PDB file of N, CA and C in Angstrom:
ATOM      1  N   MET A   1      32.311   3.771 -56.049  1.00  0.00           N
ATOM      2  CA  MET A   1      30.865   2.925 -56.021  1.00  0.00           C
ATOM      3  C   MET A   1      30.250   3.271 -57.019  1.00  0.00           C
ATOM      4  N   THR A   2      29.762   1.620 -57.254  1.00  0.00           N
ATOM      5  CA  THR A   2      28.847   1.392 -58.241  1.00  0.00           C
ATOM      6  C   THR A   2      27.202   1.805 -58.113  1.00  0.00           C
ATOM      7  N   ALA A   3      26.477   1.739 -59.367  1.00  0.00           N
ATOM      8  CA  ALA A   3      25.255   1.997 -58.739  1.00  0.00           C
ATOM      9  C   ALA A   3      24.664   1.152 -57.700  1.00  0.00           C
ATOM     10  N   ASP A   4      24.872  -0.069 -58.164  1.00  0.00           N
ATOM     11  CA  ASP A   4      24.392  -1.567 -57.292  1.00  0.00           C
ATOM     12  C   ASP A   4      24.849  -0.894 -56.080  1.00  0.00           C
ATOM     13  N   ASN A   5      25.970  -0.369 -55.419  1.00  0.00           N
ATOM     14  CA  ASN A   5      26.050  -0.686 -54.281  1.00  0.00           C
ATOM     15  C   ASN A   5      26.969   1.256 -53.400  1.00  0.00           C
ATOM     16  N   ASP A   6      25.606   2.333 -54.202  1.00  0.00           N
ATOM     17  CA  ASP A   6      25.655   3.561 -53.897  1.00  0.00           C
ATOM     18  C   ASP A   6      25.549   3.950 -52.285  1.00  0.00           C
ATOM     19  N   GLY A   7      24.943   2.511 -51.627  1.00  0.00           N
ATOM     20  CA  GLY A   7      24.375   2.619 -50.772  1.00  0.00           C
ATOM     21  C   GLY A   7      22.666   3.657 -50.303  1.00  0.00           C
ATOM     22  N   ALA A   8      21.843   3.477 -51.701  1.00  0.00           N
ATOM     23  CA  ALA A   8      20.085   4.409 -51.715  1.00  0.00           C
ATOM     24  C   ALA A   8      19.753   3.117 -51.476  1.00  0.00           C
ATOM     25  N   TRP A   9      18.792   3.361 -51.037  1.00  0.00           N
ATOM     26  CA  TRP A   9      17.581   2.814 -50.489  1.00  0.00           C
ATOM     27  C   TRP A   9      15.927   3.183 -51.058  1.00  0.00           C
ATOM     28  N   PHE A  10      16.435   3.986 -51.368  1.00  0.00           N
ATOM     29  CA  PHE A  10      15.211   4.335 -52.583  1.00  0.00           C
ATOM     30  C   PHE A  10      15.367   4.622 -54.002  1.00  0.00           C
ATOM     31  N   ALA A  11      14.661   4.326 -55.115  1.00  0.00           N
ATOM     32  CA  ALA A  11      15.040   4.585 -56.502  1.00  0.00           C
ATOM     33  C   ALA A  11      14.708   6.459 -56.813  1.00  0.00           C
ATOM     34  N   GLN A  12      15.016   6.708 -57.851  1.00  0.00           N
ATOM     35  CA  GLN A  12      15.134   8.287 -58.638  1.00  0.00           C
ATOM     36  C   GLN A  12      13.306   7.501 -58.942  1.00  0.00           C
ATOM     37  N   LYS A  13      12.722   8.174 -59.016  1.00  0.00           N
ATOM     38  CA  LYS A  13      11.612   8.384 -59.768  1.00  0.00           C
ATOM     39  C   LYS A  13      11.819   8.339 -61.283  1.00  0.00           C
ATOM     40  N   THR A  14      10.791   8.120 -62.007  1.00  0.00           N
ATOM     41  CA  THR A  14      10.778   8.243 -63.426  1.00  0.00           C
ATOM     42  C   THR A  14      10.282   9.763 -63.774  1.00  0.00           C
ATOM     43  N   PHE A  15       9.219  10.251 -63.873  1.00  0.00           N
ATOM     44  CA  PHE A  15       8.619  10.884 -64.188  1.00  0.00           C
ATOM     45  C   PHE A  15       8.340  11.944 -62.565  1.00  0.00           C
ATOM     46  N   GLY A  16       8.763  13.524 -62.496  1.00  0.00           N
ATOM     47  CA  GLY A  16       8.275  13.683 -60.820  1.00  0.00           C
ATOM     48  C   GLY A  16       9.213  13.943 -60.651  1.00  0.00           C
ATOM     49  N   TYR A  17       8.756  14.209 -58.935  1.00  0.00           N
ATOM     50  CA  TYR A  17      10.338  15.088 -57.778  1.00  0.00           C
ATOM     51  C   TYR A  17       9.879  14.188 -57.406  1.00  0.00           C
ATOM     52  N   GLY A  18      10.958  13.365 -56.741  1.00  0.00           N
ATOM     53  CA  GLY A  18      11.192  12.863 -55.304  1.00  0.00           C
ATOM     54  C   GLY A  18      11.724  11.753 -55.472  1.00  0.00           C
ATOM     55  N   ALA A  19      11.033  10.943 -54.551  1.00  0.00           N
ATOM     56  CA  ALA A  19      11.703   9.819 -54.472  1.00  0.00           C
ATOM     57  C   ALA A  19      10.589   8.489 -55.016  1.00  0.00           C
ATOM     58  N   GLY A  20      11.050   6.904 -55.538  1.00  0.00           N
ATOM     59  CA  GLY A  20      10.677   6.482 -55.757  1.00  0.00           C
ATOM     60  C   GLY A  20      10.187   5.113 -55.090  1.00  0.00           C
ATOM     61  N   LEU A  21      10.369   4.059 -55.636  1.00  0.00           N
ATOM     62  CA  LEU A  21       9.786   2.608 -54.097  1.00  0.00           C
ATOM     63  C   LEU A  21      10.982   2.517 -53.935  1.00  0.00           C
ATOM     64  N   PRO A  22      10.773   1.814 -52.831  1.00  0.00           N
ATOM     65  CA  PRO A  22      12.155   1.227 -51.774  1.00  0.00           C
ATOM     66  C   PRO A  22      12.820   0.054 -53.445  1.00  0.00           C
ATOM     67  N   ILE A  23      14.680  -0.528 -52.985  1.00  0.00           N
ATOM     68  CA  ILE A  23      15.348  -1.349 -53.828  1.00  0.00           C
ATOM     69  C   ILE A  23      15.868  -1.706 -52.776  1.00  0.00           C
ATOM     70  N   ALA A  24      16.072  -1.245 -51.471  1.00  0.00           N
ATOM     71  CA  ALA A  24      17.160  -2.310 -50.455  1.00  0.00           C
ATOM     72  C   ALA A  24      16.132  -2.429 -48.954  1.00  0.00           C
ATOM     73  N   TRP A  25      16.558  -3.010 -48.620  1.00  0.00           N
ATOM     74  CA  TRP A  25      15.622  -3.439 -47.707  1.00  0.00           C
ATOM     75  C   TRP A  25      15.809  -2.427 -46.463  1.00  0.00           C
ATOM     76  N   GLN A  26      16.538  -1.524 -46.291  1.00  0.00           N
ATOM     77  CA  GLN A  26      16.452  -0.639 -45.781  1.00  0.00           C
ATOM     78  C   GLN A  26      14.931  -0.136 -45.839  1.00  0.00           C
ATOM     79  N   GLY A  27      14.519   1.073 -47.032  1.00  0.00           N
ATOM     80  CA  GLY A  27      13.360   1.339 -48.109  1.00  0.00           C
ATOM     81  C   GLY A  27      12.712   0.857 -47.198  1.00  0.00           C
ATOM     82  N   TRP A  28      12.379  -0.682 -47.552  1.00  0.00           N
ATOM     83  CA  TRP A  28      10.800  -0.758 -47.648  1.00  0.00           C
ATOM     84  C   TRP A  28      10.848  -0.855 -46.142  1.00  0.00           C
ATOM     85  N   VAL A  29      11.621  -1.476 -45.117  1.00  0.00           N
ATOM     86  CA  VAL A  29      11.658  -1.495 -44.133  1.00  0.00           C
ATOM     87  C   VAL A  29      10.805   0.231 -43.167  1.00  0.00           C
ATOM     88  N   LEU A  30      11.691   1.085 -43.762  1.00  0.00           N
ATOM     89  CA  LEU A  30      11.334   2.294 -43.216  1.00  0.00           C
ATOM     90  C   LEU A  30       9.536   2.753 -43.890  1.00  0.00           C
ATOM     91  N   LEU A  31       9.032   2.088 -44.972  1.00  0.00           N
ATOM     92  CA  LEU A  31       7.886   2.023 -45.436  1.00  0.00           C
ATOM     93  C   LEU A  31       6.982   1.111 -44.621  1.00  0.00           C
ATOM     94  N   ALA A  32       7.344   0.253 -44.483  1.00  0.00           N
ATOM     95  CA  ALA A  32       6.556  -0.631 -43.561  1.00  0.00           C
ATOM     96  C   ALA A  32       6.175  -0.088 -42.210  1.00  0.00           C
ATOM     97  N   VAL A  33       7.425   0.884 -41.095  1.00  0.00           N
ATOM     98  CA  VAL A  33       7.264   1.460 -40.139  1.00  0.00           C
ATOM     99  C   VAL A  33       6.233   2.573 -40.740  1.00  0.00           C
ATOM    100  N   MET A  34       6.560   3.619 -41.145  1.00  0.00           N
ATOM    101  CA  MET A  34       5.544   4.394 -41.541  1.00  0.00           C
ATOM    102  C   MET A  34       4.136   4.167 -41.565  1.00  0.00           C
ATOM    103  N   VAL A  35       3.917   3.169 -42.246  1.00  0.00           N
ATOM    104  CA  VAL A  35       2.890   3.072 -42.490  1.00  0.00           C
ATOM    105  C   VAL A  35       1.964   1.973 -41.313  1.00  0.00           C
ATOM    106  N   GLY A  36       2.859   0.770 -40.614  1.00  0.00           N
ATOM    107  CA  GLY A  36       1.863   0.662 -39.377  1.00  0.00           C
ATOM    108  C   GLY A  36       2.065   2.134 -38.470  1.00  0.00           C
ATOM    109  N   VAL A  37       2.874   2.654 -38.631  1.00  0.00           N
ATOM    110  CA  VAL A  37       2.618   3.732 -37.436  1.00  0.00           C
ATOM    111  C   VAL A  37       1.283   4.491 -37.290  1.00  0.00           C
ATOM    112  N   GLY A  38       1.410   4.519 -39.327  1.00  0.00           N
ATOM    113  CA  GLY A  38      -0.085   5.115 -39.157  1.00  0.00           C
ATOM    114  C   GLY A  38      -1.443   4.707 -39.074  1.00  0.00           C
ATOM    115  N   VAL A  39      -0.849   3.368 -39.435  1.00  0.00           N
ATOM    116  CA  VAL A  39      -2.369   2.596 -39.300  1.00  0.00           C
ATOM    117  C   VAL A  39      -2.789   2.329 -37.296  1.00  0.00           C
ATOM    118  N   ALA A  40      -1.470   2.550 -36.362  1.00  0.00           N
ATOM    119  CA  ALA A  40      -1.890   2.415 -35.338  1.00  0.00           C
ATOM    120  C   ALA A  40      -2.361   4.004 -35.267  1.00  0.00           C
ATOM    121  N   LEU A  41      -1.596   4.925 -34.806  1.00  0.00           N
ATOM    122  CA  LEU A  41      -2.385   6.196 -34.916  1.00  0.00           C
ATOM    123  C   LEU A  41      -3.867   6.244 -35.815  1.00  0.00           C
ATOM    124  N   TRP A  42      -4.693   5.601 -36.374  1.00  0.00           N
ATOM    125  CA  TRP A  42      -5.988   5.878 -37.469  1.00  0.00           C
ATOM    126  C   TRP A  42      -6.218   5.281 -35.547  1.00  0.00           C
ATOM    127  N   TYR A  43      -6.292   3.924 -35.789  1.00  0.00           N
ATOM    128  CA  TYR A  43      -6.776   3.245 -34.430  1.00  0.00           C
ATOM    129  C   TYR A  43      -6.503   3.677 -32.849  1.00  0.00           C
ATOM    130  N   ALA A  44      -6.259   4.259 -32.815  1.00  0.00           N
ATOM    131  CA  ALA A  44      -6.119   5.342 -31.337  1.00  0.00           C
ATOM    132  C   ALA A  44      -6.370   7.145 -31.375  1.00  0.00           C
ATOM    133  N   LEU A  45      -6.707   7.618 -32.690  1.00  0.00           N
ATOM    134  CA  LEU A  45      -7.290   8.463 -32.588  1.00  0.00           C
ATOM    135  C   LEU A  45      -7.956   9.402 -33.489  1.00  0.00           C
ATOM    136  N   MET A  46      -8.436   7.788 -34.878  1.00  0.00           N
ATOM    137  CA  MET A  46      -9.494   8.578 -35.396  1.00  0.00           C
ATOM    138  C   MET A  46     -10.932   8.613 -34.646  1.00  0.00           C
ATOM    139  N   PRO A  47     -11.077   7.753 -33.856  1.00  0.00           N
ATOM    140  CA  PRO A  47     -12.092   7.377 -33.162  1.00  0.00           C
ATOM    141  C   PRO A  47     -12.934   9.281 -32.746  1.00  0.00           C
ATOM    142  N   GLY A  48     -12.548   9.893 -31.914  1.00  0.00           N
ATOM    143  CA  GLY A  48     -12.532  10.518 -31.118  1.00  0.00           C
ATOM    144  C   GLY A  48     -12.090  11.719 -31.465  1.00  0.00           C
ATOM    145  N   HIS A  49     -10.621  11.896 -32.493  1.00  0.00           N
ATOM    146  CA  HIS A  49     -10.245  13.282 -32.756  1.00  0.00           C
ATOM    147  C   HIS A  49      -9.150  13.396 -34.067  1.00  0.00           C
ATOM    148  N   PRO A  50      -9.711  12.988 -34.851  1.00  0.00           N
ATOM    149  CA  PRO A  50      -9.455  13.400 -36.363  1.00  0.00           C
ATOM    150  C   PRO A  50      -8.882  14.228 -36.194  1.00  0.00           C
ATOM    151  N   GLY A  51      -8.984  15.748 -35.935  1.00  0.00           N
ATOM    152  CA  GLY A  51      -7.715  16.729 -35.699  1.00  0.00           C
ATOM    153  C   GLY A  51      -6.398  16.810 -35.219  1.00  0.00           C
ATOM    154  N   VAL A  52      -6.505  15.436 -34.084  1.00  0.00           N
ATOM    155  CA  VAL A  52      -4.805  15.198 -33.873  1.00  0.00           C
ATOM    156  C   VAL A  52      -4.107  13.872 -34.301  1.00  0.00           C
ATOM    157  N   PHE A  53      -5.352  13.162 -35.113  1.00  0.00           N
ATOM    158  CA  PHE A  53      -4.727  12.649 -36.295  1.00  0.00           C
ATOM    159  C   PHE A  53      -4.034  12.823 -37.480  1.00  0.00           C
ATOM    160  N   SER A  54      -4.363  14.294 -38.101  1.00  0.00           N
ATOM    161  CA  SER A  54      -4.827  14.788 -39.065  1.00  0.00           C
ATOM    162  C   SER A  54      -2.722  14.562 -38.850  1.00  0.00           C
ATOM    163  N   ALA A  55      -2.968  15.731 -37.295  1.00  0.00           N
ATOM    164  CA  ALA A  55      -1.370  16.429 -37.343  1.00  0.00           C
ATOM    165  C   ALA A  55      -0.010  15.602 -37.178  1.00  0.00           C
ATOM    166  N   ALA A  56      -0.661  14.253 -36.195  1.00  0.00           N
ATOM    167  CA  ALA A  56      -0.052  13.487 -36.424  1.00  0.00           C
ATOM    168  C   ALA A  56       0.292  12.743 -37.882  1.00  0.00           C
ATOM    169  N   GLU A  57      -0.495  12.520 -38.574  1.00  0.00           N
ATOM    170  CA  GLU A  57       0.025  11.578 -39.743  1.00  0.00           C
ATOM    171  C   GLU A  57       0.729  12.462 -41.163  1.00  0.00           C
ATOM    172  N   VAL A  58       0.205  14.034 -39.741  1.00  0.00           N
ATOM    173  CA  VAL A  58       1.684  14.743 -41.152  1.00  0.00           C
ATOM    174  C   VAL A  58       3.280  14.682 -40.517  1.00  0.00           C
ATOM    175  N   GLY A  59       3.045  14.560 -39.687  1.00  0.00           N
ATOM    176  CA  GLY A  59       4.011  14.436 -38.316  1.00  0.00           C
ATOM    177  C   GLY A  59       4.780  12.757 -39.072  1.00  0.00           C
ATOM    178  N   VAL A  60       4.348  11.907 -39.233  1.00  0.00           N
ATOM    179  CA  VAL A  60       5.028  10.246 -39.866  1.00  0.00           C
ATOM    180  C   VAL A  60       5.237  10.578 -40.762  1.00  0.00           C
ATOM    181  N   VAL A  61       4.823  11.185 -41.647  1.00  0.00           N
ATOM    182  CA  VAL A  61       5.427  12.133 -43.505  1.00  0.00           C
ATOM    183  C   VAL A  61       6.692  12.700 -43.224  1.00  0.00           C
ATOM    184  N   ILE A  62       6.258  13.568 -42.897  1.00  0.00           N
ATOM    185  CA  ILE A  62       7.653  14.624 -43.064  1.00  0.00           C
ATOM    186  C   ILE A  62       8.888  14.752 -41.774  1.00  0.00           C
ATOM    187  N   VAL A  63       8.747  13.476 -40.960  1.00  0.00           N
ATOM    188  CA  VAL A  63       9.798  13.291 -40.195  1.00  0.00           C
ATOM    189  C   VAL A  63      10.670  12.905 -40.834  1.00  0.00           C
ATOM    190  N   PRO A  64      10.590  11.764 -41.620  1.00  0.00           N
ATOM    191  CA  PRO A  64      11.640  10.799 -42.497  1.00  0.00           C
ATOM    192  C   PRO A  64      11.549  11.733 -43.576  1.00  0.00           C
ATOM    193  N   LEU A  65      10.976  13.071 -43.853  1.00  0.00           N
ATOM    194  CA  LEU A  65      11.794  13.396 -45.605  1.00  0.00           C
ATOM    195  C   LEU A  65      13.221  13.542 -46.017  1.00  0.00           C
ATOM    196  N   PRO A  66      14.503  14.094 -44.365  1.00  0.00           N
ATOM    197  CA  PRO A  66      15.188  14.340 -45.119  1.00  0.00           C
ATOM    198  C   PRO A  66      16.237  12.774 -45.379  1.00  0.00           C
ATOM    199  N   LEU A  67      15.740  11.398 -44.855  1.00  0.00           N
ATOM    200  CA  LEU A  67      16.312  10.146 -44.151  1.00  0.00           C
ATOM    201  C   LEU A  67      16.494   9.888 -46.185  1.00  0.00           C
ATOM    202  N   ILE A  68      14.914   9.805 -46.444  1.00  0.00           N
ATOM    203  CA  ILE A  68      14.244   9.356 -47.552  1.00  0.00           C
ATOM    204  C   ILE A  68      15.115  10.162 -48.429  1.00  0.00           C
ATOM    205  N   ARG A  69      15.263  11.385 -48.633  1.00  0.00           N
ATOM    206  CA  ARG A  69      16.011  12.234 -49.596  1.00  0.00           C
ATOM    207  C   ARG A  69      17.736  12.317 -49.308  1.00  0.00           C
ATOM    208  N   ALA A  70      18.001  11.575 -48.529  1.00  0.00           N
ATOM    209  CA  ALA A  70      19.609  11.641 -48.868  1.00  0.00           C
ATOM    210  C   ALA A  70      20.107  10.284 -49.158  1.00  0.00           C
ATOM    211  N   LYS A  71      18.703   9.440 -49.479  1.00  0.00           N
ATOM    212  CA  LYS A  71      18.860   7.903 -49.465  1.00  0.00           C
ATOM    213  C   LYS A  71      18.569   7.533 -50.983  1.00  0.00           C
ATOM    214  N   THR A  72      17.853   8.823 -51.775  1.00  0.00           N
ATOM    215  CA  THR A  72      17.348   8.504 -53.271  1.00  0.00           C
ATOM    216  C   THR A  72      18.275   8.195 -54.305  1.00  0.00           C
ATOM    217  N   ARG A  73      18.681   7.065 -54.765  1.00  0.00           N
ATOM    218  CA  ARG A  73      19.333   7.121 -56.205  1.00  0.00           C
ATOM    219  C   ARG A  73      19.783   8.733 -56.909  1.00  0.00           C
ATOM    220  N   GLY A  74      20.174   9.219 -57.334  1.00  0.00           N
ATOM    221  CA  GLY A  74      20.464  10.606 -58.076  1.00  0.00           C
ATOM    222  C   GLY A  74      20.036  11.641 -57.287  1.00  0.00           C
ATOM    223  N   GLY A  75      19.284  11.937 -56.007  1.00  0.00           N
ATOM    224  CA  GLY A  75      18.648  12.773 -55.685  1.00  0.00           C
ATOM    225  C   GLY A  75      17.234  13.146 -56.206  1.00  0.00           C
ATOM    226  N   TRP A  76      16.799  13.991 -55.210  1.00  0.00           N
ATOM    227  CA  TRP A  76      15.711  14.369 -55.911  1.00  0.00           C
ATOM    228  C   TRP A  76      16.301  15.730 -56.908  1.00  0.00           C
ATOM    229  N   ARG A  77      14.954  15.193 -57.630  1.00  0.00           N
ATOM    230  CA  ARG A  77      14.578  16.442 -58.895  1.00  0.00           C
ATOM    231  C   ARG A  77      13.351  16.316 -59.662  1.00  0.00           C
ATOM    232  N   TRP A  78      13.121  17.318 -60.399  1.00  0.00           N
ATOM    233  CA  TRP A  78      12.192  16.832 -62.045  1.00  0.00           C
ATOM    234  C   TRP A  78      12.845  16.510 -62.537  1.00  0.00           C
ATOM    235  N   ARG A  79      12.007  15.192 -63.468  1.00  0.00           N
ATOM    236  CA  ARG A  79      12.823  14.446 -64.183  1.00  0.00           C
ATOM    237  C   ARG A  79      11.890  14.143 -65.318  1.00  0.00           C
ATOM    238  N   TRP A  80      11.376  14.568 -66.301  1.00  0.00           N
ATOM    239  CA  TRP A  80      10.433  14.418 -67.335  1.00  0.00           C
ATOM    240  C   TRP A  80      10.642  13.176 -67.927  1.00  0.00           C
ATOM    241  N   ARG A  81      11.196  12.437 -67.591  1.00  0.00           N
ATOM    242  CA  ARG A  81      11.268  10.594 -68.161  1.00  0.00           C
ATOM    243  C   ARG A  81      12.919  10.323 -68.141  1.00  0.00           C
TER     244      ARG A  81
END
């Protein structure tokens, strides 16, 4: 399997730990859904329930992390460059 066709949705970071920017349409869709859900939660919960909003936002970030980690080219590890 070539690097261009390895099934990765996200690039590895050049420096640091974790995933970089999306490199496939699936990664861009996942990122757009996460942002969309975050904006919807802002309008629905922030005016009257900032604590609930904060907890929900943490969930929006944490729930897809295993998928993002699995779909990152080269995996997650610390990179110096």
